[in-house]
C-alpha atoms as a PDB file:
ATOM      1  CA  MET A   1      19.316  -1.555 -40.840  1.00  0.00           C
ATOM      2  CA  LEU A   2      18.466   0.083 -44.111  1.00  0.00           C
ATOM      3  CA  ASN A   3      16.115  -1.789 -46.548  1.00  0.00           C
ATOM      4  CA  VAL A   4      15.482  -0.115 -49.933  1.00  0.00           C
ATOM      5  CA  PHE A   5      12.804  -1.421 -52.239  1.00  0.00           C
ATOM      6  CA  VAL A   6      12.186  -0.550 -55.851  1.00  0.00           C
ATOM      7  CA  LEU A   7       9.559  -1.533 -58.387  1.00  0.00           C
ATOM      8  CA  ALA A   8      10.760  -3.867 -61.079  1.00  0.00           C
ATOM      9  CA  ASN A   9       8.355  -5.412 -63.608  1.00  0.00           C
ATOM     10  CA  GLY A  10       5.427  -4.811 -61.265  1.00  0.00           C
ATOM     11  CA  ARG A  11       7.079  -6.447 -58.286  1.00  0.00           C
ATOM     12  CA  LEU A  12       8.667  -5.018 -55.118  1.00  0.00           C
ATOM     13  CA  VAL A  13      12.391  -5.859 -55.199  1.00  0.00           C
ATOM     14  CA  GLN A  14      14.891  -5.193 -52.424  1.00  0.00           C
ATOM     15  CA  GLU A  15      18.199  -3.561 -53.429  1.00  0.00           C
ATOM     16  CA  GLU A  16      21.448  -4.083 -51.452  1.00  0.00           C
ATOM     17  CA  ILE A  17      22.656  -0.678 -50.237  1.00  0.00           C
ATOM     18  CA  GLU A  18      26.172  -0.614 -48.729  1.00  0.00           C
ATOM     19  CA  ASP A  19      27.032   3.130 -48.893  1.00  0.00           C
ATOM     20  CA  ALA A  20      25.634   6.553 -49.684  1.00  0.00           C
ATOM     21  CA  ALA A  21      26.646   6.217 -53.301  1.00  0.00           C
ATOM     22  CA  GLY A  22      24.560   3.098 -53.701  1.00  0.00           C
ATOM     23  CA  LEU A  23      21.554   4.871 -52.116  1.00  0.00           C
ATOM     24  CA  ALA A  24      22.012   7.840 -54.497  1.00  0.00           C
ATOM     25  CA  ARG A  25      21.719   5.537 -57.513  1.00  0.00           C
ATOM     26  CA  ALA A  26      18.562   3.863 -56.283  1.00  0.00           C
ATOM     27  CA  ARG A  27      15.065   5.027 -57.236  1.00  0.00           C
ATOM     28  CA  PRO A  28      13.078   3.524 -54.352  1.00  0.00           C
ATOM     29  CA  VAL A  29       9.422   3.459 -53.728  1.00  0.00           C
ATOM     30  CA  TRP A  30       9.837   2.264 -50.104  1.00  0.00           C
ATOM     31  CA  VAL A  31      12.749   2.856 -47.694  1.00  0.00           C
ATOM     32  CA  ASP A  32      12.419   0.800 -44.500  1.00  0.00           C
ATOM     33  CA  LEU A  33      14.686   1.701 -41.538  1.00  0.00           C
ATOM     34  CA  GLU A  34      14.865  -0.832 -38.743  1.00  0.00           C
ATOM     35  CA  ALA A  35      16.687   0.656 -35.703  1.00  0.00           C
ATOM     36  CA  PRO A  36      18.630   3.015 -38.043  1.00  0.00           C
ATOM     37  CA  SER A  37      22.057   4.142 -37.127  1.00  0.00           C
ATOM     38  CA  PRO A  38      23.109   7.870 -37.277  1.00  0.00           C
ATOM     39  CA  VAL A  39      25.088   7.118 -40.472  1.00  0.00           C
ATOM     40  CA  GLU A  40      22.031   5.683 -42.205  1.00  0.00           C
ATOM     41  CA  LYS A  41      19.918   8.654 -41.031  1.00  0.00           C
ATOM     42  CA  GLY A  42      22.551  10.881 -42.571  1.00  0.00           C
ATOM     43  CA  TRP A  43      22.330   9.026 -45.870  1.00  0.00           C
ATOM     44  CA  ILE A  44      18.560   9.515 -45.917  1.00  0.00           C
ATOM     45  CA  ALA A  45      18.852  13.230 -45.135  1.00  0.00           C
ATOM     46  CA  ALA A  46      21.458  13.797 -47.849  1.00  0.00           C
ATOM     47  CA  ARG A  47      19.663  11.780 -50.508  1.00  0.00           C
ATOM     48  CA  PHE A  48      16.003  12.667 -49.884  1.00  0.00           C
ATOM     49  CA  GLY A  49      16.104  15.685 -47.585  1.00  0.00           C
ATOM     50  CA  VAL A  50      14.130  13.840 -44.932  1.00  0.00           C
ATOM     51  CA  THR A  51      15.264  14.424 -41.318  1.00  0.00           C
ATOM     52  CA  ILE A  52      14.573  11.555 -38.909  1.00  0.00           C
ATOM     53  CA  PRO A  53      14.633  12.742 -35.292  1.00  0.00           C
ATOM     54  CA  GLU A  54      15.686  10.544 -32.447  1.00  0.00           C
ATOM     55  CA  ASP A  55      12.236  10.533 -30.762  1.00  0.00           C
ATOM     56  CA  ILE A  56      10.267   9.710 -33.947  1.00  0.00           C
ATOM     57  CA  VAL A  57       8.942   6.383 -32.524  1.00  0.00           C
ATOM     58  CA  ASP A  58       8.545   7.494 -28.856  1.00  0.00           C
ATOM     59  CA  ASP A  59       5.497   5.981 -27.203  1.00  0.00           C
ATOM     60  CA  ASP A  60       4.719   9.201 -25.272  1.00  0.00           C
ATOM     61  CA  LEU A  61       3.919  11.106 -28.477  1.00  0.00           C
ATOM     62  CA  GLU A  62       0.694  13.186 -28.181  1.00  0.00           C
ATOM     63  CA  GLU A  63      -2.264  11.734 -30.028  1.00  0.00           C
ATOM     64  CA  SER A  64      -2.773  14.943 -31.996  1.00  0.00           C
ATOM     65  CA  ALA A  65       0.714  14.590 -33.404  1.00  0.00           C
ATOM     66  CA  ARG A  66       0.297  11.091 -34.870  1.00  0.00           C
ATOM     67  CA  PHE A  67      -1.224  12.179 -38.168  1.00  0.00           C
ATOM     68  CA  TYR A  68      -0.247  15.494 -39.786  1.00  0.00           C
ATOM     69  CA  GLU A  69       1.107  17.052 -42.976  1.00  0.00           C
ATOM     70  CA  GLU A  70       4.153  19.376 -43.070  1.00  0.00           C
ATOM     71  CA  ASP A  71       4.291  22.574 -45.083  1.00  0.00           C
ATOM     72  CA  ASN A  72       6.837  21.018 -47.414  1.00  0.00           C
ATOM     73  CA  GLY A  73       4.309  18.251 -48.319  1.00  0.00           C
ATOM     74  CA  GLU A  74       5.668  15.536 -46.044  1.00  0.00           C
ATOM     75  CA  LEU A  75       2.862  13.315 -44.654  1.00  0.00           C
ATOM     76  CA  HIS A  76       3.573  11.858 -41.151  1.00  0.00           C
ATOM     77  CA  ILE A  77       1.710   8.900 -39.738  1.00  0.00           C
ATOM     78  CA  ARG A  78       2.415   7.039 -36.498  1.00  0.00           C
ATOM     79  CA  SER A  79       0.886   3.579 -36.173  1.00  0.00           C
ATOM     80  CA  ASP A  80       1.219   0.615 -33.795  1.00  0.00           C
ATOM     81  CA  PHE A  81       1.839  -2.842 -35.270  1.00  0.00           C
ATOM     82  CA  LEU A  82       1.391  -6.096 -33.394  1.00  0.00           C
ATOM     83  CA  ILE A  83       3.993  -8.704 -32.673  1.00  0.00           C
ATOM     84  CA  GLY A  84       2.111 -11.775 -31.461  1.00  0.00           C
ATOM     85  CA  GLY A  85       3.287 -15.240 -30.610  1.00  0.00           C
ATOM     86  CA  GLU A  86       3.538 -17.178 -27.341  1.00  0.00           C
ATOM     87  CA  ASP A  87       6.313 -15.108 -25.820  1.00  0.00           C
ATOM     88  CA  ALA A  88       5.517 -11.577 -24.682  1.00  0.00           C
ATOM     89  CA  PRO A  89       3.223 -10.173 -27.385  1.00  0.00           C
ATOM     90  CA  HIS A  90       3.529  -6.426 -27.715  1.00  0.00           C
ATOM     91  CA  ASN A  91       2.882  -3.443 -29.982  1.00  0.00           C
ATOM     92  CA  VAL A  92       5.633  -1.655 -31.820  1.00  0.00           C
ATOM     93  CA  ARG A  93       5.365   1.988 -32.858  1.00  0.00           C
ATOM     94  CA  VAL A  94       6.170   2.666 -36.523  1.00  0.00           C
ATOM     95  CA  ALA A  95       6.681   6.139 -38.038  1.00  0.00           C
ATOM     96  CA  PHE A  96       5.757   6.658 -41.678  1.00  0.00           C
ATOM     97  CA  ILE A  97       6.858   9.599 -43.767  1.00  0.00           C
ATOM     98  CA  LEU A  98       5.497   9.982 -47.308  1.00  0.00           C
ATOM     99  CA  LYS A  99       7.424  12.472 -49.413  1.00  0.00           C
ATOM    100  CA  GLU A 100       7.658  12.857 -53.160  1.00  0.00           C
ATOM    101  CA  GLY A 101       6.438   9.413 -53.998  1.00  0.00           C
ATOM    102  CA  VAL A 102       8.672   7.589 -51.488  1.00  0.00           C
ATOM    103  CA  LEU A 103       7.474   5.964 -48.308  1.00  0.00           C
ATOM    104  CA  PHE A 104       9.881   5.988 -45.313  1.00  0.00           C
ATOM    105  CA  SER A 105       9.159   3.707 -42.365  1.00  0.00           C
ATOM    106  CA  VAL A 106      11.054   3.792 -39.099  1.00  0.00           C
ATOM    107  CA  HIS A 107      10.698   1.161 -36.339  1.00  0.00           C
ATOM    108  CA  ALA A 108      12.846  -0.400 -33.659  1.00  0.00           C
ATOM    109  CA  GLU A 109      12.072  -4.126 -34.308  1.00  0.00           C
ATOM    110  CA  ASP A 110      11.449  -6.373 -37.262  1.00  0.00           C
ATOM    111  CA  LEU A 111       7.721  -6.817 -37.786  1.00  0.00           C
ATOM    112  CA  PRO A 112       5.798  -9.860 -39.101  1.00  0.00           C
ATOM    113  CA  VAL A 113       3.530  -7.594 -41.179  1.00  0.00           C
ATOM    114  CA  PHE A 114       6.470  -6.122 -43.000  1.00  0.00           C
ATOM    115  CA  ARG A 115       7.901  -9.530 -43.783  1.00  0.00           C
ATOM    116  CA  LEU A 116       4.468 -10.619 -44.982  1.00  0.00           C
ATOM    117  CA  LEU A 117       4.223  -7.720 -47.389  1.00  0.00           C
ATOM    118  CA  ARG A 118       7.718  -8.225 -48.772  1.00  0.00           C
ATOM    119  CA  LEU A 119       6.939 -11.868 -49.469  1.00  0.00           C
ATOM    120  CA  ARG A 120       3.682 -11.063 -51.187  1.00  0.00           C
ATOM    121  CA  ALA A 121       5.084  -8.202 -53.232  1.00  0.00           C
ATOM    122  CA  ARG A 122       7.866 -10.407 -54.599  1.00  0.00           C
ATOM    123  CA  ARG A 123       5.524 -13.176 -55.635  1.00  0.00           C
ATOM    124  CA  THR A 124       2.426 -11.215 -56.866  1.00  0.00           C
ATOM    125  CA  PRO A 125       2.906  -8.988 -59.893  1.00  0.00           C
ATOM    126  CA  ALA A 126       1.167  -5.568 -60.043  1.00  0.00           C
ATOM    127  CA  LEU A 127       0.370  -5.764 -56.338  1.00  0.00           C
ATOM    128  CA  ILE A 128       2.009  -2.404 -55.710  1.00  0.00           C
ATOM    129  CA  GLU A 129       2.188   0.641 -57.998  1.00  0.00           C
ATOM    130  CA  ASP A 130       3.357   3.418 -55.776  1.00  0.00           C
ATOM    131  CA  ALA A 131       4.263   4.368 -52.225  1.00  0.00           C
ATOM    132  CA  LYS A 132       0.705   4.860 -51.132  1.00  0.00           C
ATOM    133  CA  ASP A 133      -0.064   1.318 -52.263  1.00  0.00           C
ATOM    134  CA  VAL A 134       2.760   0.099 -49.932  1.00  0.00           C
ATOM    135  CA  LEU A 135       1.194   1.882 -46.981  1.00  0.00           C
ATOM    136  CA  LEU A 136      -2.252   0.526 -47.755  1.00  0.00           C
ATOM    137  CA  LYS A 137      -0.941  -2.993 -48.198  1.00  0.00           C
ATOM    138  CA  LEU A 138       0.825  -2.750 -44.861  1.00  0.00           C
ATOM    139  CA  TYR A 139      -2.423  -1.839 -43.126  1.00  0.00           C
ATOM    140  CA  ASP A 140      -4.213  -4.585 -45.047  1.00  0.00           C
ATOM    141  CA  ALA A 141      -1.638  -7.132 -43.994  1.00  0.00           C
ATOM    142  CA  ASP A 142      -1.875  -5.788 -40.419  1.00  0.00           C
ATOM    143  CA  ALA A 143      -5.630  -6.483 -40.329  1.00  0.00           C
ATOM    144  CA  GLU A 144      -5.032  -9.995 -41.717  1.00  0.00           C
ATOM    145  CA  TYR A 145      -2.228 -10.636 -39.164  1.00  0.00           C
ATOM    146  CA  SER A 146      -4.562  -9.584 -36.366  1.00  0.00           C
ATOM    147  CA  ALA A 147      -7.251 -11.974 -37.699  1.00  0.00           C
ATOM    148  CA  ASP A 148      -4.689 -14.799 -37.667  1.00  0.00           C
ATOM    149  CA  GLN A 149      -3.811 -13.986 -34.060  1.00  0.00           C
ATOM    150  CA  LEU A 150      -7.476 -14.037 -33.168  1.00  0.00           C
ATOM    151  CA  GLU A 151      -7.766 -17.550 -34.621  1.00  0.00           C
ATOM    152  CA  GLY A 152      -4.860 -18.580 -32.461  1.00  0.00           C
ATOM    153  CA  ILE A 153      -6.648 -17.243 -29.379  1.00  0.00           C
ATOM    154  CA  TYR A 154      -9.737 -19.238 -30.328  1.00  0.00           C
ATOM    155  CA  ASP A 155      -7.715 -22.430 -30.536  1.00  0.00           C
ATOM    156  CA  ASN A 156      -5.871 -21.829 -27.265  1.00  0.00           C
ATOM    157  CA  LEU A 157      -9.078 -21.038 -25.422  1.00  0.00           C
ATOM    158  CA  GLU A 158     -10.585 -24.269 -26.735  1.00  0.00           C
ATOM    159  CA  GLN A 159      -7.806 -26.147 -25.139  1.00  0.00           C
ATOM    160  CA  VAL A 160      -8.344 -24.310 -21.850  1.00  0.00           C
ATOM    161  CA  SER A 161     -12.025 -25.028 -22.028  1.00  0.00           C
ATOM    162  CA  ALA A 162     -11.305 -28.763 -22.445  1.00  0.00           C
ATOM    163  CA  ARG A 163      -9.125 -28.758 -19.375  1.00  0.00           C
ATOM    164  CA  VAL A 164     -11.397 -26.645 -17.173  1.00  0.00           C
ATOM    165  CA  LEU A 165     -14.865 -27.874 -18.200  1.00  0.00           C
ATOM    166  CA  LYS A 166     -14.238 -31.526 -18.964  1.00  0.00           C
ATOM    167  CA  GLN A 167     -11.812 -32.610 -16.343  1.00  0.00           C
ATOM    168  CA  ASP A 168     -11.360 -32.500 -12.531  1.00  0.00           C
ATOM    169  CA  VAL A 169      -9.563 -29.263 -11.908  1.00  0.00           C
ATOM    170  CA  GLY A 170      -6.995 -29.299  -9.172  1.00  0.00           C
ATOM    171  CA  ASP A 171      -5.210 -26.307  -7.790  1.00  0.00           C
ATOM    172  CA  GLN A 172      -2.181 -26.829 -10.080  1.00  0.00           C
ATOM    173  CA  ALA A 173      -4.355 -27.255 -13.187  1.00  0.00           C
ATOM    174  CA  ALA A 174      -6.461 -24.254 -12.217  1.00  0.00           C
ATOM    175  CA  GLY A 175      -3.305 -22.100 -11.793  1.00  0.00           C
ATOM    176  CA  ALA A 176      -2.074 -23.153 -15.266  1.00  0.00           C
ATOM    177  CA  ALA A 177      -5.453 -22.448 -16.753  1.00  0.00           C
ATOM    178  CA  LEU A 178      -5.560 -18.940 -15.225  1.00  0.00           C
ATOM    179  CA  ALA A 179      -2.061 -18.203 -16.559  1.00  0.00           C
ATOM    180  CA  ALA A 180      -3.115 -19.301 -20.062  1.00  0.00           C
ATOM    181  CA  ILE A 181      -6.313 -17.263 -19.913  1.00  0.00           C
ATOM    182  CA  ALA A 182      -4.381 -14.163 -18.724  1.00  0.00           C
ATOM    183  CA  ARG A 183      -1.967 -14.487 -21.684  1.00  0.00           C
ATOM    184  CA  GLU A 184      -4.871 -14.751 -24.185  1.00  0.00           C
ATOM    185  CA  GLU A 185      -6.672 -11.762 -22.585  1.00  0.00           C
ATOM    186  CA  ASP A 186      -3.494  -9.672 -22.891  1.00  0.00           C
ATOM    187  CA  LEU A 187      -3.059 -10.610 -26.528  1.00  0.00           C
ATOM    188  CA  ASN A 188      -6.764  -9.955 -27.312  1.00  0.00           C
ATOM    189  CA  GLY A 189      -6.517  -6.519 -25.780  1.00  0.00           C
ATOM    190  CA  ARG A 190      -3.438  -5.698 -27.792  1.00  0.00           C
ATOM    191  CA  ILE A 191      -5.201  -6.862 -30.985  1.00  0.00           C
ATOM    192  CA  ARG A 192      -8.142  -4.566 -30.219  1.00  0.00           C
ATOM    193  CA  ARG A 193      -5.805  -1.641 -29.669  1.00  0.00           C
ATOM    194  CA  ASN A 194      -3.931  -2.542 -32.846  1.00  0.00           C
ATOM    195  CA  VAL A 195      -7.046  -2.629 -35.059  1.00  0.00           C
ATOM    196  CA  MET A 196      -8.268   0.610 -33.502  1.00  0.00           C
ATOM    197  CA  ASP A 197      -5.033   2.315 -34.433  1.00  0.00           C
ATOM    198  CA  THR A 198      -5.103   0.989 -37.941  1.00  0.00           C
ATOM    199  CA  ARG A 199      -8.664   2.187 -38.378  1.00  0.00           C
ATOM    200  CA  ARG A 200      -7.637   5.656 -37.367  1.00  0.00           C
ATOM    201  CA  ALA A 201      -4.665   5.668 -39.790  1.00  0.00           C
ATOM    202  CA  VAL A 202      -6.674   4.436 -42.736  1.00  0.00           C
ATOM    203  CA  SER A 203      -9.439   6.939 -41.996  1.00  0.00           C
ATOM    204  CA  PHE A 204      -6.866   9.749 -41.901  1.00  0.00           C
ATOM    205  CA  MET A 205      -5.566   8.696 -45.363  1.00  0.00           C
ATOM    206  CA  MET A 206      -9.167   8.736 -46.692  1.00  0.00           C
ATOM    207  CA  ARG A 207      -9.861  12.187 -45.188  1.00  0.00           C
ATOM    208  CA  SER A 208      -6.603  13.662 -46.506  1.00  0.00           C
ATOM    209  CA  ARG A 209      -7.696  12.984 -50.143  1.00  0.00           C
ATOM    210  CA  MET A 210      -4.311  11.506 -50.964  1.00  0.00           C
ATOM    211  CA  LEU A 211      -5.828   8.308 -52.448  1.00  0.00           C
ATOM    212  CA  ASN A 212      -7.121   7.773 -55.959  1.00  0.00           C
ATOM    213  CA  ALA A 213     -10.507   6.062 -56.531  1.00  0.00           C
ATOM    214  CA  GLU A 214      -9.094   2.537 -56.558  1.00  0.00           C
ATOM    215  CA  GLN A 215      -7.013   3.078 -53.394  1.00  0.00           C
ATOM    216  CA  PHE A 216     -10.005   4.762 -51.730  1.00  0.00           C
ATOM    217  CA  GLU A 217     -12.080   1.689 -52.302  1.00  0.00           C
ATOM    218  CA  GLU A 218      -9.312  -0.513 -51.008  1.00  0.00           C
ATOM    219  CA  ALA A 219      -9.152   1.616 -47.863  1.00  0.00           C
ATOM    220  CA  ARG A 220     -12.880   1.184 -47.376  1.00  0.00           C
ATOM    221  CA  GLN A 221     -12.439  -2.587 -47.672  1.00  0.00           C
ATOM    222  CA  ILE A 222      -9.677  -2.510 -45.052  1.00  0.00           C
ATOM    223  CA  LEU A 223     -12.087  -0.644 -42.709  1.00  0.00           C
ATOM    224  CA  ARG A 224     -14.779  -3.205 -43.269  1.00  0.00           C
ATOM    225  CA  ASP A 225     -12.330  -5.998 -42.469  1.00  0.00           C
ATOM    226  CA  ILE A 226     -11.371  -4.221 -39.262  1.00  0.00           C
ATOM    227  CA  ASP A 227     -15.064  -3.768 -38.277  1.00  0.00           C
ATOM    228  CA  SER A 228     -15.526  -7.521 -38.704  1.00  0.00           C
ATOM    229  CA  LEU A 229     -12.695  -8.117 -36.234  1.00  0.00           C
ATOM    230  CA  ASP A 230     -14.384  -6.021 -33.460  1.00  0.00           C
ATOM    231  CA  SER A 231     -17.188  -8.562 -32.937  1.00  0.00           C
ATOM    232  CA  HIS A 232     -14.619 -11.324 -32.644  1.00  0.00           C
ATOM    233  CA  THR A 233     -12.582  -9.468 -30.042  1.00  0.00           C
ATOM    234  CA  ALA A 234     -15.787  -8.723 -28.094  1.00  0.00           C
ATOM    235  CA  PHE A 235     -16.814 -12.343 -28.183  1.00  0.00           C
ATOM    236  CA  LEU A 236     -13.348 -13.448 -27.033  1.00  0.00           C
ATOM    237  CA  PHE A 237     -13.533 -11.001 -24.049  1.00  0.00           C
ATOM    238  CA  ASP A 238     -16.797 -12.594 -22.997  1.00  0.00           C
ATOM    239  CA  LYS A 239     -15.402 -16.106 -23.371  1.00  0.00           C
ATOM    240  CA  ILE A 240     -12.236 -15.209 -21.411  1.00  0.00           C
ATOM    241  CA  ASN A 241     -14.355 -13.787 -18.645  1.00  0.00           C
ATOM    242  CA  PHE A 242     -16.467 -16.900 -18.527  1.00  0.00           C
ATOM    243  CA  LEU A 243     -13.454 -19.174 -18.385  1.00  0.00           C
ATOM    244  CA  MET A 244     -11.873 -16.959 -15.744  1.00  0.00           C
ATOM    245  CA  ASP A 245     -15.005 -17.106 -13.581  1.00  0.00           C
ATOM    246  CA  ALA A 246     -15.335 -20.893 -14.084  1.00  0.00           C
ATOM    247  CA  THR A 247     -11.713 -21.499 -13.117  1.00  0.00           C
ATOM    248  CA  VAL A 248     -11.918 -19.275 -10.030  1.00  0.00           C
ATOM    249  CA  GLY A 249     -15.151 -21.138  -9.134  1.00  0.00           C
ATOM    250  CA  PHE A 250     -13.364 -24.468  -9.249  1.00  0.00           C
ATOM    251  CA  ILE A 251     -10.613 -23.046  -7.059  1.00  0.00           C
ATOM    252  CA  ASN A 252     -13.212 -21.914  -4.538  1.00  0.00           C
ATOM    253  CA  ILE A 253     -14.817 -25.395  -4.584  1.00  0.00           C
ATOM    254  CA  ASN A 254     -11.463 -26.976  -3.850  1.00  0.00           C
ATOM    255  CA  GLN A 255     -10.832 -24.532  -1.011  1.00  0.00           C
ATOM    256  CA  ASN A 256     -14.309 -25.178   0.377  1.00  0.00           C
ATOM    257  CA  LYS A 257     -13.613 -28.879   0.419  1.00  0.00           C
ATOM    258  CA  ILE A 258     -10.561 -28.274   2.648  1.00  0.00           C
ATOM    259  CA  ILE A 259     -12.483 -25.901   4.908  1.00  0.00           C
ATOM    260  CA  LYS A 260     -15.317 -28.425   5.208  1.00  0.00           C
ATOM    261  CA  ILE A 261     -12.943 -31.087   6.471  1.00  0.00           C
ATOM    262  CA  PHE A 262     -11.704 -28.806   9.253  1.00  0.00           C
ATOM    263  CA  SER A 263     -15.341 -27.783  10.060  1.00  0.00           C
ATOM    264  CA  VAL A 264     -16.532 -31.415  10.340  1.00  0.00           C
ATOM    265  CA  ALA A 265     -13.514 -32.379  12.436  1.00  0.00           C
ATOM    266  CA  SER A 266     -13.988 -29.407  14.791  1.00  0.00           C
ATOM    267  CA  VAL A 267     -17.709 -30.228  15.236  1.00  0.00           C
ATOM    268  CA  ALA A 268     -17.017 -33.882  15.746  1.00  0.00           C
ATOM    269  CA  LEU A 269     -14.413 -33.252  18.382  1.00  0.00           C
ATOM    270  CA  LEU A 270     -16.549 -30.948  20.476  1.00  0.00           C
ATOM    271  CA  PRO A 271     -18.566 -33.675  22.280  1.00  0.00           C
ATOM    272  CA  PRO A 272     -15.524 -35.755  23.395  1.00  0.00           C
ATOM    273  CA  THR A 273     -13.849 -32.557  24.552  1.00  0.00           C
ATOM    274  CA  LEU A 274     -16.916 -31.743  26.642  1.00  0.00           C
ATOM    275  CA  ILE A 275     -17.003 -35.259  28.097  1.00  0.00           C
ATOM    276  CA  ALA A 276     -13.309 -35.173  28.941  1.00  0.00           C
ATOM    277  CA  SER A 277     -13.767 -31.763  30.603  1.00  0.00           C
ATOM    278  CA  ILE A 278     -16.602 -33.048  32.753  1.00  0.00           C
ATOM    279  CA  TYR A 279     -14.697 -36.131  33.751  1.00  0.00           C
ATOM    280  CA  GLY A 280     -11.648 -34.037  34.590  1.00  0.00           C
ATOM    281  CA  MET A 281     -13.524 -31.942  37.190  1.00  0.00           C
ATOM    282  CA  ASN A 282     -12.639 -32.447  40.805  1.00  0.00           C
ATOM    283  CA  PHE A 283     -15.853 -34.045  42.100  1.00  0.00           C
ATOM    284  CA  LYS A 284     -15.939 -35.684  45.500  1.00  0.00           C
ATOM    285  CA  ALA A 285     -17.014 -38.984  43.919  1.00  0.00           C
ATOM    286  CA  MET A 286     -15.081 -39.373  40.675  1.00  0.00           C
ATOM    287  CA  PRO A 287     -16.368 -42.136  38.384  1.00  0.00           C
ATOM    288  CA  GLU A 288     -12.911 -43.236  37.296  1.00  0.00           C
ATOM    289  CA  LEU A 289     -11.894 -43.735  40.962  1.00  0.00           C
ATOM    290  CA  ASP A 290     -15.130 -44.969  42.519  1.00  0.00           C
ATOM    291  CA  TRP A 291     -16.259 -47.102  39.636  1.00  0.00           C
ATOM    292  CA  SER A 292     -14.132 -49.748  38.035  1.00  0.00           C
ATOM    293  CA  TYR A 293     -15.634 -49.257  34.617  1.00  0.00           C
ATOM    294  CA  GLY A 294     -15.266 -45.435  34.822  1.00  0.00           C
ATOM    295  CA  TYR A 295     -12.395 -45.122  32.327  1.00  0.00           C
ATOM    296  CA  PRO A 296     -13.754 -47.577  29.758  1.00  0.00           C
ATOM    297  CA  PHE A 297     -17.163 -45.939  29.968  1.00  0.00           C
ATOM    298  CA  ALA A 298     -15.670 -42.434  29.443  1.00  0.00           C
ATOM    299  CA  ILE A 299     -13.525 -43.575  26.496  1.00  0.00           C
ATOM    300  CA  GLY A 300     -16.503 -45.371  24.918  1.00  0.00           C
ATOM    301  CA  LEU A 301     -18.756 -42.369  25.393  1.00  0.00           C
ATOM    302  CA  MET A 302     -16.174 -40.144  23.704  1.00  0.00           C
ATOM    303  CA  ILE A 303     -15.872 -42.555  20.733  1.00  0.00           C
ATOM    304  CA  ALA A 304     -19.619 -42.679  20.389  1.00  0.00           C
ATOM    305  CA  SER A 305     -19.859 -38.864  20.497  1.00  0.00           C
ATOM    306  CA  VAL A 306     -17.380 -38.640  17.706  1.00  0.00           C
ATOM    307  CA  ALA A 307     -19.060 -41.343  15.585  1.00  0.00           C
ATOM    308  CA  ALA A 308     -22.530 -39.867  15.877  1.00  0.00           C
ATOM    309  CA  PRO A 309     -21.796 -36.532  14.003  1.00  0.00           C
ATOM    310  CA  PHE A 310     -19.905 -38.384  11.242  1.00  0.00           C
ATOM    311  CA  ILE A 311     -22.818 -40.746  10.736  1.00  0.00           C
ATOM    312  CA  TYR A 312     -25.244 -37.806  10.621  1.00  0.00           C
ATOM    313  CA  PHE A 313     -23.064 -35.841   8.233  1.00  0.00           C
ATOM    314  CA  ARG A 314     -22.669 -38.831   5.973  1.00  0.00           C
ATOM    315  CA  ARG A 315     -26.437 -39.393   5.761  1.00  0.00           C
ATOM    316  CA  LYS A 316     -26.914 -35.755   4.898  1.00  0.00           C
ATOM    317  CA  GLY A 317     -24.259 -36.035   2.130  1.00  0.00           C
ATOM    318  CA  TRP A 318     -21.999 -33.402   3.588  1.00  0.00           C
ATOM    319  CA  LEU A 319     -18.923 -35.628   3.450  1.00  0.00           C
ATOM    320  CA  ARG A 320     -19.071 -36.208  -0.255  1.00  0.00           C
END
């Protein structure tokens, strides 16, 4: 999909492009390619002289090749952007190419950060003045999106805390809590990776001296916002570990209760087993044969031997 954006009256406006002729007439500031087809790549190469290779968004790209400048002046940046939500959060690699005042972005999926920037740019005048502003605003929106996702983790962990710490936790409830905690831990880790990657990209833009004074200050503000997110992710890691340990502790308590029942039962059944074994021995004078009260006495003795441990355990509080 080919999305072309131009500046009109200080606002970012999307133009409908249906063929190469329409692209040739456009004077874009941002060209966004979502899973581009070979035909669309050919249009870009013919119109702007930018070649987009097949492996431009590969995840196995070397770290040293994520930020560099070509001899022809093309600036290349590879960044990861987060897709959150309840279902399978993940990071998506985006390739940026900045050439002759036009920003090209290539990615395989639609991204919430890109939708957010398009919405803001249409509604807010003078938000964007050139292609570098588009790139900075994307990183700014990415930091804000990460902050929103962190707030969602806070809310979800509060619900897990209410279930784990304020209610009786059975095995089923503990399993559900562990699954929820694992999901939030995965999302928190992805957010931390995402803000780390954004910090590297913004730092590269500042070091490359491609920004003017106003954009440089905006980049510094983005870095400060990212630094403020680090403490939140660290706190959430600690909270997740605490809830994980608490939930596992409740599971161990429930298992210990089951083991305690078997332990008490085995201890209580030892005396009657011993009595039955003694009475089952082949003595010359067997009580159950030589004494008319032999069987009732043996049965009563076994019942008493069972009751005595239970009474003792109950007084000690071991049966609670």
